[in-house]
Amino acid sequence: MRLYLLDYGAGNVQSLANSIKKLGYDFTWVSSPEDFEKATNLIFPGVGAYETAVGHLRSRGLFEPLRTYIQSGKPYFGICIGMQVLFQSSAEATTDGLGIIPSPIEQFDDGDKSVPHMGWNSADIVDPSQAEDITNPSAYYYFVHSYCAKYNPEKYPEASQWAYATTQYGQELFMSSVRKGNVFGTQFHPEKSGAAGLALIDSWLKSSGTGQVSTPSTSLRKLQPKPKHLLTKRIIACMDVRANDQGDLVVTKGDQYDVREKSVTADAAGAVRNLGKPVVLAEKYFDAGADELCLLNITSFRHSPLRDQPMLAVVRAAAERVFVPLTIGGGIKDSVDPDGTPRPALEVAGAYFRAGADKVSIGSEAVYAVERLRQSGWKRGDGTGAIETIAHTYGRQAVVVSIDPKRCFVDPETYQGPYRDELVFGKDDGPETTRGKAWWYQCTVSGGREAREVSAVELAKGVELLGAGEILVNCIDRDGTGLGFDLDLIRSIKKAVRIPVVASSGAGKADHFVDVFSQTEVEAALAAGIFHREEVKISDVKQALKDAAINVRD
């Protein structure tokens, strides 16, 4: 078997390479059109925008050789974009795809759900005789996409014959896997789907390597959506990474963002709190069942991110050991190196994607972008900002915006400011410090050190308009308190946007995760310190959620 991987020039393909190495297979990257003739097996992975992917294939002279390879009958495995380009066209693009499957890629309806479809969902085999052939019908796989191939035998009878597995999101059914002859494809990411995903890749490689690839029955099955989809709630372990005073990268955590230990003397700064090595902790949380991992670079050299070799090395090492989604934050912005070299945010994000990241998190730069958007009268941006350029190239699902708000107290009787409709009022049975008070949530920048005249709700709406695909909601007032998530804040953000929201800050026990999922519509919840200090284990959280009948991945 001469296995080749096709890298179209954008998106995180390193994760698949890591998975194949983990399974013990050798491979070669496609570097020229002639490589398609050498390959006996081909995998085309990628996260990104459809138009960008097709455009890169055409500009590099790979589009027609790819079509020829597939039509030759040699085994082909397309992942995410690699599956979508098999179709005629996409609502995401003006350019046509390969046209091998005669139907379009369409956008999800966001009327009953958040878009992008992001997280762990089932993949239900269409033909029962094919059960457990490649895809495990009892497993969950990781999805992250805004466009899909809808399963509609009446409208697309020929295309529907390609359906190997379907997935339900909201009340829509789409083809989460296609299969016919030599062609296999998944909308989900097996390289980010833990043990189940690795098993799927291994199964395909073994079956395609022997040439024994079966084809599902061509009889069409009319499937009806179930009352509720099986998308799970996600538990995310977050690691704040910075250099300590000796220059070593460590995972740290602080209360209200103060990461130093208390000093014995008033005139001396305490040491940076050291809770472990980032790669070691990342692997530990992967083994413990975390659904995603987040590495936030809070050290000083994030101001020169492409010279930040230690952090890039951390990402590379972590991506070789963990096979769930990895988000990287810190320094994802337009910057200038010390020697005067400009570094666009797109270039910085690209470096982290190539190192193994799946999503990038943008913080302060998002606040500044929304301030500019507000000044323009809420007209769409000019396409040059960090959120816009990264979303255009890699897809909006690759862009997370991290919001760091704090309560701004006002007089409930006299306040007539711009955020009057967003005011939250303290409950009579609530904490004594908030009874009789009113506040709105004010965004901050620079790690919470500077407040800006932008509300958290305003920021959420603005970044969604600019192209962000997910929002991480922190709360400075709750950070490190162990009092639970700020449900008022989370509800207000979730109500304002149609993209997925991650709750953060304040978790102190497993029941706090139950509270946030049962009392808000949030898709995921994140914690850091309680996991690092082992005050709460990920298994404890998931068991509490199961006991509360909240769907989670084992």
Protein backbone atom coordinates (compact mmCIF):
# COMPACT_ATOMS: atom_id res chain seq x y z
CA MET A 1 0.00 0.00 0.00
CA ARG A 2 1.34 3.42 -1.00
CA LEU A 3 -0.75 5.77 1.13
CA TYR A 4 -0.78 9.45 0.21
CA LEU A 5 -2.35 12.37 2.10
CA LEU A 6 -3.65 15.38 0.21
CA ASP A 7 -2.98 18.74 1.84
CA TYR A 8 -4.82 21.46 -0.08
CA GLY A 9 -2.93 24.22 1.71
CA ALA A 10 -5.23 25.25 4.55
CA GLY A 11 -6.77 23.71 7.63
CA ASN A 12 -5.40 21.35 10.23
CA VAL A 13 -4.13 18.26 8.42
CA GLN A 14 -1.44 17.47 10.98
CA SER A 15 -3.98 15.77 13.24
CA LEU A 16 -4.69 13.13 10.62
CA ALA A 17 -0.97 12.61 10.07
CA ASN A 18 -0.56 12.12 13.81
CA SER A 19 -3.41 9.61 13.87
CA ILE A 20 -1.92 7.55 11.05
CA LYS A 21 1.48 7.54 12.74
CA LYS A 22 -0.20 6.49 15.97
CA LEU A 23 -1.74 3.52 14.12
CA GLY A 24 1.66 2.52 12.73
CA TYR A 25 1.17 3.33 9.03
CA ASP A 26 3.54 5.14 6.69
CA PHE A 27 2.35 7.81 4.26
CA THR A 28 3.55 10.45 1.81
CA TRP A 29 2.20 13.95 1.24
CA VAL A 30 0.91 14.76 -2.24
CA SER A 31 3.35 17.35 -3.56
CA SER A 32 2.58 17.33 -7.30
CA PRO A 33 -0.11 16.10 -9.73
CA GLU A 34 2.10 13.12 -10.59
CA ASP A 35 1.74 11.77 -7.05
CA PHE A 36 -1.84 10.71 -7.76
CA GLU A 37 -0.53 8.10 -10.19
CA LYS A 38 1.87 6.74 -7.56
CA ALA A 39 -0.76 6.43 -4.83
CA THR A 40 -2.65 3.21 -4.21
CA ASN A 41 -4.67 4.81 -1.40
CA LEU A 42 -5.54 8.46 -0.87
CA ILE A 43 -6.94 10.42 2.10
CA PHE A 44 -8.07 14.02 1.68
CA PRO A 45 -8.66 15.66 5.10
CA GLY A 46 -9.26 19.25 6.07
CA VAL A 47 -11.15 21.86 8.00
CA GLY A 48 -11.93 24.96 6.01
CA ALA A 49 -14.17 26.85 3.66
CA TYR A 50 -15.37 25.04 0.54
CA GLU A 51 -14.43 27.82 -1.89
CA THR A 52 -10.96 28.15 -0.39
CA ALA A 53 -10.37 24.41 -0.67
CA VAL A 54 -11.49 24.15 -4.29
CA GLY A 55 -9.60 27.32 -5.16
CA HIS A 56 -6.37 25.93 -3.72
CA LEU A 57 -6.82 22.63 -5.53
CA ARG A 58 -7.30 24.42 -8.84
CA SER A 59 -4.45 26.88 -8.37
CA ARG A 60 -2.03 24.04 -7.57
CA GLY A 61 -3.17 21.93 -10.51
CA LEU A 62 -4.57 19.20 -8.26
CA PHE A 63 -8.29 19.43 -8.99
CA GLU A 64 -8.52 17.38 -12.20
CA PRO A 65 -5.85 14.84 -11.12
CA LEU A 66 -7.91 14.28 -7.97
CA ARG A 67 -11.03 13.63 -10.03
CA THR A 68 -9.08 11.26 -12.28
CA TYR A 69 -7.73 9.38 -9.25
CA ILE A 70 -11.20 8.87 -7.80
CA GLN A 71 -12.63 7.74 -11.15
CA SER A 72 -9.77 5.24 -11.52
CA GLY A 73 -11.31 3.04 -8.84
CA LYS A 74 -8.46 3.32 -6.33
CA PRO A 75 -9.47 3.73 -2.66
CA TYR A 76 -10.32 7.29 -1.59
CA PHE A 77 -11.21 8.61 1.89
CA GLY A 78 -12.46 12.20 2.17
CA ILE A 79 -12.79 13.85 5.57
CA CYS A 80 -14.98 16.97 6.08
CA ILE A 81 -13.93 19.19 3.13
CA GLY A 82 -12.53 16.04 1.53
CA MET A 83 -16.07 14.63 1.53
CA GLN A 84 -17.84 17.85 0.60
CA VAL A 85 -15.80 18.44 -2.58
CA LEU A 86 -17.23 15.16 -3.94
CA PHE A 87 -20.56 16.95 -4.40
CA GLN A 88 -21.68 19.16 -7.27
CA SER A 89 -21.58 22.49 -5.48
CA SER A 90 -21.92 24.24 -2.13
CA ALA A 91 -24.05 27.08 -0.83
CA GLU A 92 -20.83 28.30 0.76
CA ALA A 93 -19.15 28.92 -2.59
CA THR A 94 -19.55 30.12 -6.18
CA THR A 95 -17.25 27.45 -7.58
CA ASP A 96 -18.28 23.89 -8.43
CA GLY A 97 -17.02 20.74 -6.76
CA LEU A 98 -15.96 17.46 -8.35
CA GLY A 99 -19.55 16.52 -9.17
CA ILE A 100 -19.08 12.84 -8.35
CA ILE A 101 -22.14 12.87 -6.07
CA PRO A 102 -25.04 14.61 -7.87
CA SER A 103 -26.40 16.97 -5.21
CA PRO A 104 -25.34 20.22 -3.50
CA ILE A 105 -23.91 20.94 -0.09
CA GLU A 106 -26.46 23.11 1.74
CA GLN A 107 -26.47 25.30 4.82
CA PHE A 108 -28.04 24.14 8.04
CA ASP A 109 -31.32 25.73 9.05
CA ASP A 110 -30.56 27.65 12.28
CA GLY A 111 -34.19 28.02 13.29
CA ASP A 112 -34.09 25.24 15.87
CA LYS A 113 -30.39 24.94 16.69
CA SER A 114 -27.02 26.64 16.82
CA VAL A 115 -24.88 26.73 13.70
CA PRO A 116 -22.12 25.56 13.25
CA HIS A 117 -23.00 22.01 14.23
CA MET A 118 -20.19 21.54 16.72
CA GLY A 119 -19.55 18.62 19.02
CA TRP A 120 -20.02 14.89 19.41
CA ASN A 121 -22.95 13.25 17.65
CA SER A 122 -23.98 9.81 16.44
CA ALA A 123 -23.55 8.40 12.93
CA ASP A 124 -26.41 5.99 12.21
CA ILE A 125 -25.81 3.31 9.58
CA VAL A 126 -28.40 3.51 6.78
CA ASP A 127 -28.09 -0.13 5.67
CA PRO A 128 -28.34 -2.46 8.71
CA SER A 129 -26.35 -5.13 6.86
CA GLN A 130 -23.35 -2.79 6.98
CA ALA A 131 -23.48 -2.30 10.76
CA GLU A 132 -20.04 -2.22 12.39
CA ASP A 133 -18.37 -2.62 8.99
CA ILE A 134 -16.37 0.60 9.31
CA THR A 135 -18.38 3.04 11.43
CA ASN A 136 -19.27 1.99 14.97
CA PRO A 137 -23.04 2.58 15.34
CA SER A 138 -22.76 2.96 19.11
CA ALA A 139 -19.95 5.55 19.01
CA TYR A 140 -19.96 9.33 19.02
CA TYR A 141 -17.87 11.24 16.48
CA TYR A 142 -16.73 14.85 16.42
CA PHE A 143 -18.41 17.25 13.99
CA VAL A 144 -17.64 20.89 13.25
CA HIS A 145 -19.38 22.35 10.18
CA SER A 146 -22.03 24.83 9.03
CA TYR A 147 -22.87 23.15 5.70
CA CYS A 148 -23.96 19.60 5.01
CA ALA A 149 -25.24 17.12 2.45
CA LYS A 150 -28.89 16.79 3.45
CA TYR A 151 -30.38 13.32 3.27
CA ASN A 152 -33.41 13.68 0.99
CA PRO A 153 -34.21 10.58 -1.11
CA GLU A 154 -37.22 12.27 -2.71
CA LYS A 155 -35.30 15.33 -3.91
CA TYR A 156 -31.90 13.70 -4.48
CA PRO A 157 -32.57 9.98 -5.11
CA GLU A 158 -29.28 9.26 -6.89
CA ALA A 159 -27.17 11.14 -4.34
CA SER A 160 -28.98 9.49 -1.44
CA GLN A 161 -27.79 6.10 -2.65
CA TRP A 162 -24.33 7.19 -1.52
CA ALA A 163 -25.45 7.54 2.09
CA TYR A 164 -23.61 5.15 4.38
CA ALA A 165 -24.54 6.88 7.65
CA THR A 166 -26.81 9.75 8.58
CA THR A 167 -26.80 12.11 11.53
CA GLN A 168 -29.59 14.19 12.97
CA TYR A 169 -29.06 17.76 14.10
CA GLY A 170 -32.14 19.58 15.25
CA GLN A 171 -34.82 18.17 12.96
CA GLU A 172 -32.52 17.85 9.93
CA LEU A 173 -30.98 14.63 8.67
CA PHE A 174 -27.76 14.81 6.71
CA MET A 175 -25.28 12.36 5.24
CA SER A 176 -22.53 12.07 7.84
CA SER A 177 -20.79 9.37 5.80
CA VAL A 178 -20.88 8.40 2.12
CA ARG A 179 -19.71 5.19 0.56
CA LYS A 180 -19.82 3.65 -2.89
CA GLY A 181 -17.27 1.44 -4.61
CA ASN A 182 -13.82 2.84 -3.92
CA VAL A 183 -15.09 6.06 -2.32
CA PHE A 184 -15.59 6.61 1.40
CA GLY A 185 -16.16 9.92 3.14
CA THR A 186 -17.08 11.32 6.55
CA GLN A 187 -18.42 14.71 7.48
CA PHE A 188 -17.14 14.12 11.00
CA HIS A 189 -13.46 14.07 11.96
CA PRO A 190 -12.29 10.57 12.93
CA GLU A 191 -8.83 11.98 13.71
CA LYS A 192 -10.49 14.07 16.44
CA SER A 193 -12.94 11.40 17.63
CA GLY A 194 -10.78 9.62 20.18
CA ALA A 195 -10.56 5.82 20.22
CA ALA A 196 -13.63 5.39 18.00
CA GLY A 197 -12.12 7.62 15.34
CA LEU A 198 -8.76 5.88 15.39
CA ALA A 199 -10.55 2.53 15.04
CA LEU A 200 -12.46 3.84 12.02
CA ILE A 201 -9.29 5.03 10.26
CA ASP A 202 -7.59 1.72 11.00
CA SER A 203 -10.58 -0.24 9.69
CA TRP A 204 -10.64 1.74 6.43
CA LEU A 205 -6.91 1.36 5.89
CA LYS A 206 -7.10 -2.39 6.43
CA SER A 207 -10.12 -2.91 4.18
CA SER A 208 -8.94 -0.55 1.41
CA GLY A 209 -5.47 -2.02 1.53
CA THR A 210 -6.82 -5.47 0.67
CA GLY A 211 -9.24 -4.16 -1.95
CA GLN A 212 -12.16 -5.73 -0.05
CA VAL A 213 -14.40 -2.66 0.08
CA SER A 214 -18.10 -3.43 0.10
CA THR A 215 -20.84 -1.10 -1.09
CA PRO A 216 -24.11 -0.48 0.77
CA SER A 217 -27.41 -1.47 -0.77
CA THR A 218 -28.73 1.01 -3.34
CA SER A 219 -32.30 0.70 -2.02
CA LEU A 220 -33.37 4.06 -0.62
CA ARG A 221 -34.63 4.27 2.93
CA LYS A 222 -36.92 7.07 4.01
CA LEU A 223 -35.76 8.05 7.48
CA GLN A 224 -37.73 10.18 9.89
CA PRO A 225 -36.07 12.54 12.39
CA LYS A 226 -36.32 11.48 16.00
CA PRO A 227 -37.90 13.81 18.57
CA LYS A 228 -34.44 14.89 19.73
CA HIS A 229 -30.95 14.76 18.27
CA LEU A 230 -28.09 13.04 20.10
CA LEU A 231 -25.54 15.86 20.10
CA THR A 232 -23.79 15.63 23.46
CA LYS A 233 -22.89 18.38 25.86
CA ARG A 234 -19.13 18.99 25.83
CA ILE A 235 -16.78 19.15 28.81
CA ILE A 236 -13.64 21.16 28.06
CA ALA A 237 -10.43 21.19 30.09
CA CYS A 238 -8.58 24.51 29.82
CA MET A 239 -4.90 25.16 30.50
CA ASP A 240 -3.48 28.67 30.92
CA VAL A 241 0.13 28.39 29.77
CA ARG A 242 2.87 30.89 30.54
CA ALA A 243 6.57 31.07 31.28
CA ASN A 244 7.53 31.07 34.92
CA ASP A 245 10.37 33.19 36.30
CA GLN A 246 12.87 30.54 35.21
CA GLY A 247 11.60 30.60 31.62
CA ASP A 248 9.85 27.20 31.71
CA LEU A 249 6.35 26.83 30.28
CA VAL A 250 3.88 25.77 32.97
CA VAL A 251 0.14 25.49 33.39
CA THR A 252 -1.05 28.09 35.85
CA LYS A 253 -4.31 29.38 37.26
CA GLY A 254 -5.31 32.33 39.34
CA ASP A 255 -8.30 33.92 41.03
CA GLN A 256 -9.53 36.90 39.01
CA TYR A 257 -6.55 36.31 36.69
CA ASP A 258 -3.80 36.73 39.32
CA VAL A 259 -1.49 33.80 38.58
CA ARG A 260 1.13 34.37 41.27
CA GLU A 261 1.26 32.79 44.68
CA LYS A 262 0.77 35.02 47.69
CA SER A 263 4.10 36.52 48.72
CA VAL A 264 5.39 36.21 52.25
CA THR A 265 6.65 39.80 52.16
CA ALA A 266 4.78 42.84 50.87
CA ASP A 267 7.63 44.04 48.68
CA ALA A 268 8.24 40.77 46.80
CA ALA A 269 6.19 39.15 44.07
CA GLY A 270 5.15 35.56 44.58
CA ALA A 271 6.19 32.82 42.18
CA VAL A 272 4.05 31.94 39.18
CA ARG A 273 1.61 29.26 40.28
CA ASN A 274 2.76 25.95 38.74
CA LEU A 275 0.08 23.31 38.28
CA GLY A 276 1.93 21.07 35.86
CA LYS A 277 3.43 20.75 32.39
CA PRO A 278 1.01 21.58 29.55
CA VAL A 279 1.60 18.49 27.37
CA VAL A 280 1.47 16.12 30.35
CA LEU A 281 -1.81 17.63 31.55
CA ALA A 282 -3.27 17.64 28.03
CA GLU A 283 -2.63 13.90 27.70
CA LYS A 284 -4.01 13.31 31.19
CA TYR A 285 -7.28 15.09 30.36
CA PHE A 286 -7.60 13.28 27.03
CA ASP A 287 -7.25 9.95 28.82
CA ALA A 288 -9.79 11.12 31.41
CA GLY A 289 -12.44 11.71 28.74
CA ALA A 290 -12.33 15.46 28.08
CA ASP A 291 -14.32 16.26 24.95
CA GLU A 292 -12.03 19.14 23.99
CA LEU A 293 -8.86 20.78 25.24
CA CYS A 294 -7.98 24.46 25.31
CA LEU A 295 -4.45 25.89 25.61
CA LEU A 296 -4.32 29.63 26.28
CA ASN A 297 -0.95 31.33 25.89
CA ILE A 298 -0.89 34.03 28.59
CA THR A 299 2.86 34.58 28.63
CA SER A 300 4.68 37.71 27.46
CA PHE A 301 6.14 36.33 24.24
CA ARG A 302 2.68 35.96 22.72
CA HIS A 303 3.34 39.48 21.40
CA SER A 304 5.68 37.89 18.84
CA PRO A 305 3.65 34.72 18.17
CA LEU A 306 5.53 33.33 15.18
CA ARG A 307 8.78 33.54 17.11
CA ASP A 308 7.06 31.82 20.01
CA GLN A 309 8.69 28.48 19.30
CA PRO A 310 8.06 27.10 22.82
CA MET A 311 4.29 27.49 22.47
CA LEU A 312 4.24 26.13 18.93
CA ALA A 313 6.26 23.18 20.21
CA VAL A 314 3.69 22.61 22.96
CA VAL A 315 0.90 22.53 20.39
CA ARG A 316 2.80 20.08 18.17
CA ALA A 317 3.59 17.77 21.08
CA ALA A 318 0.03 17.88 22.44
CA ALA A 319 -1.46 17.16 19.01
CA GLU A 320 0.68 14.02 18.77
CA ARG A 321 -0.77 12.67 22.01
CA VAL A 322 -4.41 13.79 22.09
CA PHE A 323 -7.07 12.96 19.53
CA VAL A 324 -9.84 15.37 20.46
CA PRO A 325 -10.22 19.01 19.30
CA LEU A 326 -7.56 21.45 20.46
CA THR A 327 -8.18 25.21 20.74
CA ILE A 328 -5.28 27.66 20.99
CA GLY A 329 -5.55 31.23 22.25
CA GLY A 330 -3.23 34.12 22.97
CA GLY A 331 -1.60 36.42 20.45
CA ILE A 332 -3.93 35.60 17.55
CA LYS A 333 -3.86 39.11 16.09
CA ASP A 334 -2.11 41.35 13.61
CA SER A 335 1.33 41.99 15.07
CA VAL A 336 4.84 43.14 14.21
CA ASP A 337 7.97 41.19 15.08
CA PRO A 338 10.81 42.96 16.91
CA ASP A 339 12.66 43.27 13.59
CA GLY A 340 9.72 45.10 12.01
CA THR A 341 8.25 42.16 10.09
CA PRO A 342 4.43 42.42 9.98
CA ARG A 343 2.54 39.27 10.96
CA PRO A 344 -1.15 39.20 9.97
CA ALA A 345 -3.50 37.33 12.28
CA LEU A 346 -4.24 34.91 9.45
CA GLU A 347 -0.57 33.95 9.26
CA VAL A 348 -0.38 33.48 13.03
CA ALA A 349 -3.52 31.32 13.06
CA GLY A 350 -2.19 29.32 10.13
CA ALA A 351 1.01 28.52 12.04
CA TYR A 352 -0.99 27.11 14.94
CA PHE A 353 -3.29 25.15 12.64
CA ARG A 354 -0.27 23.62 10.92
CA ALA A 355 1.14 22.72 14.33
CA GLY A 356 -2.02 20.79 15.21
CA ALA A 357 -4.63 23.25 16.52
CA ASP A 358 -8.23 22.89 15.36
CA LYS A 359 -9.59 26.25 16.51
CA VAL A 360 -8.07 29.58 17.54
CA SER A 361 -9.40 31.82 20.29
CA ILE A 362 -9.44 35.60 19.89
CA GLY A 363 -9.89 37.88 22.90
CA SER A 364 -9.01 41.57 23.09
CA GLU A 365 -8.82 41.93 19.31
CA ALA A 366 -12.49 40.95 19.09
CA VAL A 367 -13.44 43.84 21.38
CA TYR A 368 -11.55 46.33 19.25
CA ALA A 369 -13.12 44.87 16.09
CA VAL A 370 -16.64 45.31 17.48
CA GLU A 371 -15.85 48.88 18.54
CA ARG A 372 -14.91 49.59 14.92
CA LEU A 373 -18.01 47.79 13.73
CA ARG A 374 -20.19 49.95 15.96
CA GLN A 375 -18.55 53.11 14.66
CA SER A 376 -19.37 52.02 11.10
CA GLY A 377 -23.07 51.75 11.93
CA TRP A 378 -22.94 47.95 12.23
CA LYS A 379 -22.05 47.48 8.60
CA ARG A 380 -20.11 44.33 7.83
CA GLY A 381 -16.37 44.67 8.26
CA ASP A 382 -14.02 45.35 5.37
CA GLY A 383 -12.80 41.75 5.43
CA THR A 384 -9.33 42.53 6.78
CA GLY A 385 -9.85 41.90 10.49
CA ALA A 386 -8.60 38.80 12.30
CA ILE A 387 -12.03 37.19 12.71
CA GLU A 388 -13.01 37.82 9.09
CA THR A 389 -9.79 36.67 7.43
CA ILE A 390 -9.46 33.51 9.49
CA ALA A 391 -13.15 32.59 9.07
CA HIS A 392 -12.98 33.19 5.30
CA THR A 393 -9.97 30.92 4.88
CA TYR A 394 -10.61 28.19 7.44
CA GLY A 395 -14.36 28.45 7.98
CA ARG A 396 -16.17 30.19 10.84
CA GLN A 397 -16.05 27.00 12.90
CA ALA A 398 -12.30 27.58 13.35
CA VAL A 399 -12.78 30.93 15.15
CA VAL A 400 -13.64 31.14 18.85
CA VAL A 401 -14.10 34.51 20.55
CA SER A 402 -13.30 34.61 24.25
CA ILE A 403 -15.31 37.23 26.18
CA ASP A 404 -13.96 38.50 29.51
CA PRO A 405 -16.71 40.61 31.09
CA LYS A 406 -17.31 41.87 34.60
CA ARG A 407 -20.33 43.36 36.29
CA CYS A 408 -20.79 47.08 35.94
CA PHE A 409 -23.19 48.21 38.68
CA VAL A 410 -25.62 51.06 38.01
CA ASP A 411 -28.53 52.69 39.79
CA PRO A 412 -31.56 50.65 38.73
CA GLU A 413 -33.85 53.65 39.08
CA THR A 414 -31.88 56.27 37.18
CA TYR A 415 -29.74 54.40 34.64
CA GLN A 416 -30.72 55.32 31.08
CA GLY A 417 -27.55 54.22 29.31
CA PRO A 418 -27.26 52.16 26.13
CA TYR A 419 -27.46 48.86 27.99
CA ARG A 420 -30.71 49.49 29.84
CA ASP A 421 -32.34 46.49 28.15
CA GLU A 422 -29.49 44.22 29.24
CA LEU A 423 -29.64 45.01 32.95
CA VAL A 424 -29.62 42.12 35.39
CA PHE A 425 -31.27 42.69 38.77
CA GLY A 426 -30.11 41.07 41.98
CA LYS A 427 -32.58 38.60 43.47
CA ASP A 428 -33.96 39.00 46.96
CA ASP A 429 -32.79 35.48 47.80
CA GLY A 430 -29.50 35.85 45.96
CA PRO A 431 -26.06 36.73 47.31
CA GLU A 432 -26.23 39.58 49.83
CA THR A 433 -23.71 41.60 47.80
CA THR A 434 -26.11 41.85 44.83
CA ARG A 435 -29.52 42.25 46.49
CA GLY A 436 -31.30 45.39 45.35
CA LYS A 437 -28.60 46.11 42.76
CA ALA A 438 -28.55 46.17 38.97
CA TRP A 439 -25.71 45.69 36.52
CA TRP A 440 -24.73 45.06 32.93
CA TYR A 441 -21.76 43.01 31.82
CA GLN A 442 -18.87 45.15 30.61
CA CYS A 443 -16.15 43.69 28.37
CA THR A 444 -12.49 43.95 29.27
CA VAL A 445 -9.21 43.59 27.37
CA SER A 446 -5.60 42.83 28.27
CA GLY A 447 -6.43 39.92 30.55
CA GLY A 448 -9.17 41.78 32.40
CA ARG A 449 -7.00 44.77 33.26
CA GLU A 450 -8.81 47.36 31.11
CA ALA A 451 -12.58 47.88 30.81
CA ARG A 452 -14.13 49.01 27.52
CA GLU A 453 -17.51 50.60 26.84
CA VAL A 454 -18.81 47.47 25.14
CA SER A 455 -21.29 45.07 26.68
CA ALA A 456 -20.88 41.30 26.55
CA VAL A 457 -24.15 40.96 24.62
CA GLU A 458 -23.11 43.65 22.16
CA LEU A 459 -19.77 41.93 21.65
CA ALA A 460 -21.40 38.54 21.10
CA LYS A 461 -23.72 39.92 18.43
CA GLY A 462 -20.88 41.78 16.76
CA VAL A 463 -18.47 38.86 16.51
CA GLU A 464 -21.22 36.62 15.16
CA LEU A 465 -21.79 39.19 12.42
CA LEU A 466 -18.05 39.28 11.68
CA GLY A 467 -17.87 35.50 11.28
CA ALA A 468 -17.00 33.90 14.62
CA GLY A 469 -18.23 30.34 14.99
CA GLU A 470 -18.23 29.93 18.78
CA ILE A 471 -18.19 32.11 21.89
CA LEU A 472 -16.39 31.32 25.13
CA VAL A 473 -18.04 33.22 27.99
CA ASN A 474 -15.78 33.94 30.95
CA CYS A 475 -16.77 35.98 33.99
CA ILE A 476 -14.15 37.88 35.97
CA ASP A 477 -16.45 38.15 38.98
CA ARG A 478 -16.83 34.37 39.18
CA ASP A 479 -13.33 33.25 38.17
CA GLY A 480 -11.76 31.13 40.90
CA THR A 481 -14.68 31.54 43.30
CA GLY A 482 -16.11 28.03 43.03
CA LEU A 483 -19.62 29.52 43.28
CA GLY A 484 -20.81 28.16 39.97
CA PHE A 485 -21.22 29.60 36.48
CA ASP A 486 -22.87 33.01 36.08
CA LEU A 487 -26.15 31.75 34.66
CA ASP A 488 -27.58 35.24 34.07
CA LEU A 489 -24.61 36.16 31.91
CA ILE A 490 -24.66 32.88 30.00
CA ARG A 491 -28.40 33.06 29.33
CA SER A 492 -28.12 36.61 28.01
CA ILE A 493 -25.31 35.65 25.59
CA LYS A 494 -27.01 32.47 24.44
CA LYS A 495 -30.24 34.34 23.78
CA ALA A 496 -28.43 36.94 21.65
CA VAL A 497 -26.67 34.65 19.15
CA ARG A 498 -27.23 31.58 16.98
CA ILE A 499 -23.70 30.15 17.27
CA PRO A 500 -22.51 27.69 19.96
CA VAL A 501 -21.61 29.05 23.40
CA VAL A 502 -19.16 27.66 25.96
CA ALA A 503 -19.68 28.50 29.64
CA SER A 504 -16.59 29.25 31.74
CA SER A 505 -15.54 30.63 35.13
CA GLY A 506 -16.78 29.68 38.57
CA ALA A 507 -17.26 25.91 38.53
CA GLY A 508 -16.50 24.43 41.94
CA LYS A 509 -18.28 21.08 41.89
CA ALA A 510 -19.85 18.63 39.46
CA ASP A 511 -23.36 19.89 40.15
CA HIS A 512 -22.43 23.29 38.73
CA PHE A 513 -22.15 21.63 35.31
CA VAL A 514 -25.59 20.12 35.79
CA ASP A 515 -26.93 23.57 36.63
CA VAL A 516 -25.49 25.28 33.56
CA PHE A 517 -26.73 22.63 31.15
CA SER A 518 -30.17 22.23 32.71
CA GLN A 519 -30.83 25.96 33.23
CA THR A 520 -29.34 27.36 30.01
CA GLU A 521 -29.12 26.23 26.38
CA VAL A 522 -25.31 26.37 26.34
CA GLU A 523 -23.53 23.67 24.30
CA ALA A 524 -20.36 23.23 26.36
CA ALA A 525 -18.80 24.06 29.72
CA LEU A 526 -15.16 24.64 30.58
CA ALA A 527 -13.12 24.42 33.74
CA ALA A 528 -9.47 24.72 34.67
CA GLY A 529 -8.37 25.01 38.32
CA ILE A 530 -10.72 22.40 39.75
CA PHE A 531 -9.41 19.86 37.22
CA HIS A 532 -5.75 20.83 37.75
CA ARG A 533 -6.03 20.55 41.53
CA GLU A 534 -8.16 17.38 41.19
CA GLU A 535 -10.90 18.89 43.33
CA VAL A 536 -13.31 17.59 40.69
CA LYS A 537 -12.57 14.94 38.09
CA ILE A 538 -13.92 14.90 34.55
CA SER A 539 -15.43 11.50 35.27
CA ASP A 540 -17.29 13.02 38.25
CA VAL A 541 -18.76 15.70 36.00
CA LYS A 542 -19.89 13.24 33.36
CA GLN A 543 -21.44 10.90 35.91
CA ALA A 544 -23.38 13.80 37.46
CA LEU A 545 -24.64 14.78 34.01
CA LYS A 546 -25.71 11.21 33.23
CA ASP A 547 -27.53 11.01 36.54
CA ALA A 548 -29.39 14.18 35.52
CA ALA A 549 -30.31 12.63 32.13
CA ILE A 550 -28.04 15.06 30.24
CA ASN A 551 -26.45 13.46 27.17
CA VAL A 552 -22.63 13.21 27.33
CA ARG A 553 -19.97 11.11 25.67
CA ASP A 554 -18.45 8.28 27.73
